[in-house]
Amino acid sequence: MNYFDNKTNLKFFYEQNGLSGAFDTDNIYLENAFNEIYKIWLDNFKQIKTVNYLMIAEAPLWGNIKKYIYNPKTNNSQFFYRSDLGDILNRQIDDKEDFIKICNEIGLLIVDISPFPLNSKDTKINYSKNVNGSKKLSYKQYQQLVRLTIPTFFELKIRAITDKKSEHIKTFFRYARVKNNFEDIISRVLVDYKIIKTQNDIGDISQNGGGIDKTKFKEIIDKSPNR
């Protein structure tokens, strides 16, 4: 996987959406972020023996503090608190590094649908809100961006997983809203690489308020033959 192919798609997206003037500045941040995030993800992926659980997420916030679920130097957030995992597994998890280690031990892998950590401080477009002169992508724009980058990002990660996936791998979205808006788009890739049999096999672990529904997540783990 390389940034160049994703950059080509991103530039096309900016041009199509009247954002050409912001591309060069945004791209400097996005290229550096992409390369760092991918290295962290790949190094972590190599530590997983078998992928038993596949969580589909959006994209890291990243930014100056390099906020990312697999960055041991940043704290957990509502996206996935270490206390949530500790409660589900009935284990003490001391810090972020321990959290990542335990995720790897149980074969839980997180894959984003977008290669770009857009946010309201570093880019002129973002995924969440209109603020600081940065505009929130509409769902139509967001879907366009994901479709453009599936062959150069999401599909390549899913292909890499095939050699490590469990026969009984469980796949789920972190957020229901992401499932509702992108399930149709990414399910073809998951079916093609035999991660799932049908689109109906993909669940979610979200709850009202944004946190993880620990009951849903625990049920996925407890019912898995990989437990």
Protein backbone atom coordinates (compact mmCIF):
# COMPACT_ATOMS: atom_id res chain seq x y z
CA MET A 1 0.00 0.00 0.00
CA ASN A 2 1.28 3.48 -0.81
CA TYR A 3 0.09 7.03 -0.40
CA PHE A 4 0.50 8.03 -4.05
CA ASP A 5 -2.54 6.08 -5.29
CA ASN A 6 -4.67 7.47 -2.47
CA LYS A 7 -3.33 10.96 -3.14
CA THR A 8 -4.50 10.71 -6.76
CA ASN A 9 -8.01 9.83 -5.59
CA LEU A 10 -7.96 12.57 -2.97
CA LYS A 11 -6.91 15.21 -5.48
CA PHE A 12 -9.73 14.15 -7.79
CA PHE A 13 -12.16 14.35 -4.87
CA TYR A 14 -11.00 17.87 -3.94
CA GLU A 15 -11.34 19.00 -7.55
CA GLN A 16 -14.81 17.49 -7.91
CA ASN A 17 -15.97 19.26 -4.76
CA GLY A 18 -14.51 22.70 -5.47
CA LEU A 19 -11.66 22.34 -2.98
CA SER A 20 -8.65 22.54 -5.29
CA GLY A 21 -7.26 25.58 -3.49
CA ALA A 22 -7.00 23.66 -0.22
CA PHE A 23 -5.47 20.48 -1.60
CA ASP A 24 -1.74 21.24 -1.41
CA THR A 25 -1.84 22.38 2.21
CA ASP A 26 -4.14 19.59 3.36
CA ASN A 27 -2.12 17.01 1.47
CA ILE A 28 1.10 17.79 3.37
CA TYR A 29 -0.59 16.90 6.65
CA LEU A 30 -2.51 13.95 5.19
CA GLU A 31 0.50 12.33 3.55
CA ASN A 32 2.59 12.49 6.72
CA ALA A 33 -0.33 11.21 8.79
CA PHE A 34 -1.12 8.39 6.36
CA ASN A 35 2.44 7.10 6.37
CA GLU A 36 2.74 7.17 10.16
CA ILE A 37 -0.67 5.60 10.75
CA TYR A 38 -0.09 2.83 8.23
CA LYS A 39 3.28 1.96 9.77
CA ILE A 40 1.72 1.76 13.24
CA TRP A 41 -1.18 -0.35 11.92
CA LEU A 42 1.08 -2.70 9.97
CA ASP A 43 3.52 -3.18 12.86
CA ASN A 44 0.58 -4.01 15.09
CA PHE A 45 -1.03 -6.32 12.52
CA LYS A 46 2.16 -8.37 12.45
CA GLN A 47 1.71 -9.06 16.17
CA ILE A 48 -1.67 -10.76 15.64
CA LYS A 49 -1.48 -14.50 15.08
CA THR A 50 -5.11 -15.00 14.02
CA VAL A 51 -7.78 -12.38 13.30
CA ASN A 52 -10.85 -13.55 15.20
CA TYR A 53 -12.73 -10.25 15.39
CA LEU A 54 -12.75 -7.49 12.78
CA MET A 55 -13.99 -4.07 13.87
CA ILE A 56 -14.82 -1.62 11.07
CA ALA A 57 -14.14 2.01 12.02
CA GLU A 58 -13.92 5.36 10.20
CA ALA A 59 -10.51 7.06 10.40
CA PRO A 60 -8.26 8.27 13.23
CA LEU A 61 -8.53 11.86 14.43
CA TRP A 62 -4.70 11.98 14.48
CA GLY A 63 -3.77 15.69 14.45
CA ASN A 64 -0.85 17.13 16.43
CA ILE A 65 -1.22 14.63 19.26
CA LYS A 66 -1.41 11.69 16.82
CA LYS A 67 -4.65 10.32 18.27
CA TYR A 68 -5.05 6.71 17.15
CA ILE A 69 -6.34 3.53 18.74
CA TYR A 70 -3.04 1.76 18.00
CA ASN A 71 -0.77 4.58 19.18
CA PRO A 72 0.33 3.59 22.71
CA LYS A 73 1.39 7.18 23.42
CA THR A 74 -2.18 8.52 23.30
CA ASN A 75 -5.00 7.76 25.72
CA ASN A 76 -8.06 5.67 24.96
CA SER A 77 -11.21 7.60 24.13
CA GLN A 78 -14.94 6.95 23.91
CA PHE A 79 -14.20 5.17 20.66
CA PHE A 80 -12.89 2.27 22.76
CA TYR A 81 -12.06 2.74 26.44
CA ARG A 82 -9.72 0.18 27.92
CA SER A 83 -12.21 -0.20 30.79
CA ASP A 84 -14.80 -1.41 28.26
CA LEU A 85 -12.51 -4.18 27.10
CA GLY A 86 -11.54 -4.96 30.68
CA ASP A 87 -15.19 -5.33 31.72
CA ILE A 88 -16.00 -7.53 28.73
CA LEU A 89 -13.04 -9.84 29.31
CA ASN A 90 -13.10 -9.54 33.11
CA ARG A 91 -9.44 -8.54 33.07
CA GLN A 92 -7.41 -5.70 34.51
CA ILE A 93 -5.96 -3.51 31.75
CA ASP A 94 -3.33 -1.16 33.12
CA ASP A 95 -2.62 1.24 30.27
CA LYS A 96 -2.89 1.80 26.51
CA GLU A 97 0.06 -0.45 25.75
CA ASP A 98 -1.55 -3.26 27.74
CA PHE A 99 -4.86 -2.59 25.95
CA ILE A 100 -3.24 -3.00 22.53
CA LYS A 101 -1.44 -6.14 23.64
CA ILE A 102 -4.68 -7.74 24.84
CA CYS A 103 -6.52 -6.79 21.65
CA ASN A 104 -3.80 -8.59 19.73
CA GLU A 105 -3.95 -11.60 22.04
CA ILE A 106 -7.66 -12.15 21.44
CA GLY A 107 -7.28 -11.48 17.71
CA LEU A 108 -9.21 -8.21 17.56
CA LEU A 109 -8.22 -6.06 14.58
CA ILE A 110 -9.53 -2.58 13.77
CA VAL A 111 -9.69 -1.45 10.14
CA ASP A 112 -10.75 2.02 8.99
CA ILE A 113 -12.90 2.64 5.93
CA SER A 114 -11.06 5.85 4.99
CA PRO A 115 -7.31 6.40 4.65
CA PHE A 116 -7.58 10.09 5.50
CA PRO A 117 -7.57 11.40 9.11
CA LEU A 118 -9.55 14.53 8.27
CA ASN A 119 -10.26 16.84 11.20
CA SER A 120 -11.40 20.40 11.76
CA LYS A 121 -7.97 21.68 12.81
CA ASP A 122 -5.73 20.27 10.09
CA THR A 123 -7.88 20.03 6.96
CA LYS A 124 -10.50 22.13 5.20
CA ILE A 125 -12.92 19.21 5.29
CA ASN A 126 -13.73 16.81 8.09
CA TYR A 127 -16.14 14.06 9.11
CA SER A 128 -17.98 15.66 12.02
CA LYS A 129 -18.76 19.40 12.07
CA ASN A 130 -18.47 22.84 10.49
CA VAL A 131 -15.89 24.70 12.58
CA ASN A 132 -12.62 26.65 12.24
CA GLY A 133 -13.28 27.16 8.54
CA SER A 134 -13.37 23.39 8.02
CA LYS A 135 -16.54 21.95 6.49
CA LYS A 136 -18.21 18.69 7.40
CA LEU A 137 -18.54 16.27 4.50
CA SER A 138 -22.07 15.38 3.53
CA TYR A 139 -22.87 11.66 3.60
CA LYS A 140 -22.89 11.71 -0.20
CA GLN A 141 -19.40 13.23 -0.28
CA TYR A 142 -18.16 10.84 2.39
CA GLN A 143 -19.48 7.87 0.43
CA GLN A 144 -17.84 9.19 -2.72
CA LEU A 145 -14.49 9.43 -0.95
CA VAL A 146 -14.74 5.89 0.41
CA ARG A 147 -15.74 4.48 -2.98
CA LEU A 148 -12.76 6.17 -4.61
CA THR A 149 -10.29 4.72 -2.13
CA ILE A 150 -11.62 1.18 -1.64
CA PRO A 151 -9.19 -0.32 -4.23
CA THR A 152 -6.21 1.63 -2.87
CA PHE A 153 -6.89 1.29 0.84
CA PHE A 154 -9.71 -0.75 2.37
CA GLU A 155 -9.49 -3.66 -0.05
CA LEU A 156 -5.72 -3.92 0.39
CA LYS A 157 -6.10 -4.23 4.16
CA ILE A 158 -8.84 -6.83 3.82
CA ARG A 159 -6.69 -8.79 1.38
CA ALA A 160 -3.87 -8.81 3.93
CA ILE A 161 -6.23 -10.20 6.56
CA THR A 162 -7.21 -13.26 4.50
CA ASP A 163 -4.02 -15.13 5.39
CA LYS A 164 -4.64 -14.61 9.10
CA LYS A 165 -8.40 -14.74 9.42
CA SER A 166 -10.06 -17.31 11.61
CA GLU A 167 -12.50 -19.72 10.04
CA HIS A 168 -15.10 -18.22 12.39
CA ILE A 169 -14.12 -14.55 12.13
CA LYS A 170 -16.74 -12.12 13.45
CA THR A 171 -17.13 -8.75 11.73
CA PHE A 172 -18.89 -5.68 13.12
CA PHE A 173 -19.01 -1.91 12.81
CA ARG A 174 -17.99 0.28 15.71
CA TYR A 175 -20.81 2.72 14.94
CA ALA A 176 -24.35 2.02 13.71
CA ARG A 177 -24.36 5.23 11.62
CA VAL A 178 -21.26 4.02 9.75
CA LYS A 179 -22.93 0.65 9.22
CA ASN A 180 -26.06 2.35 7.87
CA ASN A 181 -24.16 4.57 5.45
CA PHE A 182 -21.32 2.32 4.29
CA GLU A 183 -22.38 -1.29 4.71
CA ASP A 184 -23.56 -1.55 1.10
CA ILE A 185 -20.29 -0.04 -0.14
CA ILE A 186 -17.78 -2.20 1.71
CA SER A 187 -19.68 -5.48 2.08
CA ARG A 188 -18.78 -6.56 -1.46
CA VAL A 189 -15.10 -6.51 -0.54
CA LEU A 190 -15.75 -8.49 2.65
CA VAL A 191 -17.76 -11.08 0.74
CA ASP A 192 -15.20 -11.34 -2.08
CA TYR A 193 -12.43 -12.08 0.41
CA LYS A 194 -14.62 -14.49 2.38
CA ILE A 195 -14.57 -12.41 5.56
CA ILE A 196 -18.37 -12.65 5.61
CA LYS A 197 -20.85 -14.77 3.67
CA THR A 198 -23.53 -12.11 3.27
CA GLN A 199 -24.05 -8.48 4.22
CA ASN A 200 -26.36 -9.63 7.00
CA ASP A 201 -23.37 -11.08 8.84
CA ILE A 202 -22.09 -7.62 9.82
CA GLY A 203 -23.28 -6.30 13.17
CA ASP A 204 -22.39 -3.24 15.23
CA ILE A 205 -21.46 -2.52 18.85
CA SER A 206 -22.69 1.05 19.22
CA GLN A 207 -25.11 2.45 21.76
CA ASN A 208 -26.90 5.76 22.23
CA GLY A 209 -24.49 8.41 23.45
CA GLY A 210 -21.56 7.17 21.39
CA GLY A 211 -20.00 4.59 23.68
CA ILE A 212 -19.55 0.88 23.11
CA ASP A 213 -22.47 -1.38 23.92
CA LYS A 214 -20.62 -3.81 26.14
CA THR A 215 -23.50 -6.28 26.13
CA LYS A 216 -23.41 -6.53 22.33
CA PHE A 217 -19.65 -6.83 22.27
CA LYS A 218 -19.55 -9.44 25.04
CA GLU A 219 -22.17 -11.49 23.22
CA ILE A 220 -20.03 -11.49 20.06
CA ILE A 221 -17.01 -12.69 22.01
CA ASP A 222 -18.84 -15.21 24.20
CA LYS A 223 -20.59 -16.83 21.24
CA SER A 224 -17.45 -17.07 19.16
CA PRO A 225 -15.75 -20.50 18.84
CA ASN A 226 -12.50 -18.52 19.01
CA ARG A 227 -13.11 -17.53 22.65
